[in-house]
Amino acid sequence: MLTKPDEGTFNKLTVKVNGGPNEDAMDSFPVPFVFDAFAIDNLTDQDVDEIVQVVVDRIIAEHPDYVVYVDKSWSGGTHSDPRNTVYTPPAP
């Protein structure tokens, strides 16, 4: 089961993967995933991380100079986790 926020009743999780070359263009690859009640009750945090990793790997393969991040927000109540930077290009 997915780890939900402590407060509230949540029935949908939206995970957005995105990235870009700099702060002004950080929406170059918007890829959203929406998980409704059935998925929330039957997937684990690891399942979602593995699904997201496929998109992260594709962005990095095509644009190794991009920063890639993930946003998660729960609805049913409203809760957004802090933005998680999952890849930063190595320093030149």
Protein backbone atom coordinates (compact mmCIF):
# COMPACT_ATOMS: atom_id res chain seq x y z
CA MET A 1 0.00 0.00 0.00
CA LEU A 2 1.20 3.55 -0.72
CA THR A 3 2.28 5.73 2.16
CA LYS A 4 -0.39 8.41 2.50
CA PRO A 5 -0.17 11.69 4.42
CA ASP A 6 -1.18 11.35 8.07
CA GLU A 7 -4.01 13.88 8.04
CA GLY A 8 -7.11 13.61 5.85
CA THR A 9 -8.71 11.03 3.59
CA PHE A 10 -7.07 10.81 0.19
CA ASN A 11 -8.44 9.02 -2.86
CA LYS A 12 -6.16 10.16 -5.70
CA LEU A 13 -2.42 10.62 -6.14
CA THR A 14 -0.98 12.66 -8.99
CA VAL A 15 2.73 12.25 -9.69
CA LYS A 16 4.30 14.65 -12.18
CA VAL A 17 7.75 14.03 -13.63
CA ASN A 18 9.40 16.99 -15.33
CA GLY A 19 12.73 18.54 -16.09
CA GLY A 20 14.61 21.11 -18.04
CA PRO A 21 17.94 22.77 -18.64
CA ASN A 22 17.39 25.65 -16.17
CA GLU A 23 14.85 27.27 -13.84
CA ASP A 24 13.21 29.19 -16.71
CA ALA A 25 12.57 26.00 -18.69
CA MET A 26 11.84 23.41 -16.00
CA ASP A 27 8.63 22.28 -17.74
CA SER A 28 10.24 20.75 -20.80
CA PHE A 29 8.96 17.18 -20.23
CA PRO A 30 5.68 17.22 -18.27
CA VAL A 31 4.59 13.62 -17.69
CA PRO A 32 1.73 13.15 -15.19
CA PHE A 33 0.58 9.89 -13.66
CA VAL A 34 -2.79 9.74 -11.88
CA PHE A 35 -3.46 6.92 -9.44
CA ASP A 36 -7.07 6.52 -8.29
CA ALA A 37 -8.42 4.60 -5.29
CA PHE A 38 -7.87 1.09 -6.71
CA ALA A 39 -4.21 1.83 -7.52
CA ILE A 40 -3.65 3.57 -4.20
CA ASP A 41 -4.92 0.51 -2.33
CA ASN A 42 -2.97 -1.98 -4.45
CA LEU A 43 0.36 -0.35 -5.34
CA THR A 44 3.35 0.21 -3.10
CA ASP A 45 5.69 3.18 -2.88
CA GLN A 46 8.28 1.04 -4.68
CA ASP A 47 5.83 0.34 -7.55
CA VAL A 48 5.26 4.06 -8.11
CA ASP A 49 8.99 4.80 -7.82
CA GLU A 50 9.75 2.16 -10.47
CA ILE A 51 7.09 3.55 -12.85
CA VAL A 52 8.45 7.08 -12.42
CA GLN A 53 12.04 5.86 -12.90
CA VAL A 54 11.23 4.71 -16.45
CA VAL A 55 10.37 8.31 -17.42
CA VAL A 56 13.31 9.75 -15.48
CA ASP A 57 15.70 7.39 -17.28
CA ARG A 58 14.27 8.38 -20.67
CA ILE A 59 14.68 12.12 -19.95
CA ILE A 60 18.25 11.59 -18.73
CA ALA A 61 19.11 9.45 -21.78
CA GLU A 62 17.93 12.15 -24.18
CA HIS A 63 19.03 15.18 -22.15
CA PRO A 64 21.79 14.33 -19.64
CA ASP A 65 22.23 18.07 -19.00
CA TYR A 66 18.65 18.49 -17.64
CA VAL A 67 17.62 18.60 -13.99
CA VAL A 68 14.74 16.15 -13.41
CA TYR A 69 12.23 16.44 -10.59
CA VAL A 70 9.06 14.78 -9.28
CA ASP A 71 6.04 16.44 -7.67
CA LYS A 72 3.43 14.42 -5.76
CA SER A 73 0.03 15.70 -4.73
CA TRP A 74 -2.82 13.91 -3.03
CA SER A 75 -6.46 14.84 -3.45
CA GLY A 76 -9.63 13.92 -1.65
CA GLY A 77 -8.18 16.26 0.92
CA THR A 78 -5.36 18.35 -0.43
CA HIS A 79 -1.70 17.66 0.28
CA SER A 80 1.41 18.25 -1.81
CA ASP A 81 4.76 16.74 -0.96
CA PRO A 82 7.81 18.98 -1.44
CA ARG A 83 9.36 18.84 -4.92
CA ASN A 84 11.93 16.05 -5.14
CA THR A 85 14.90 16.56 -7.45
CA VAL A 86 15.76 13.06 -8.68
CA TYR A 87 18.60 13.90 -11.06
CA THR A 88 21.08 16.75 -11.34
CA PRO A 89 23.63 16.66 -14.14
CA PRO A 90 27.26 16.20 -13.08
CA ALA A 91 29.31 19.38 -12.86
CA PRO A 92 31.39 20.02 -16.01
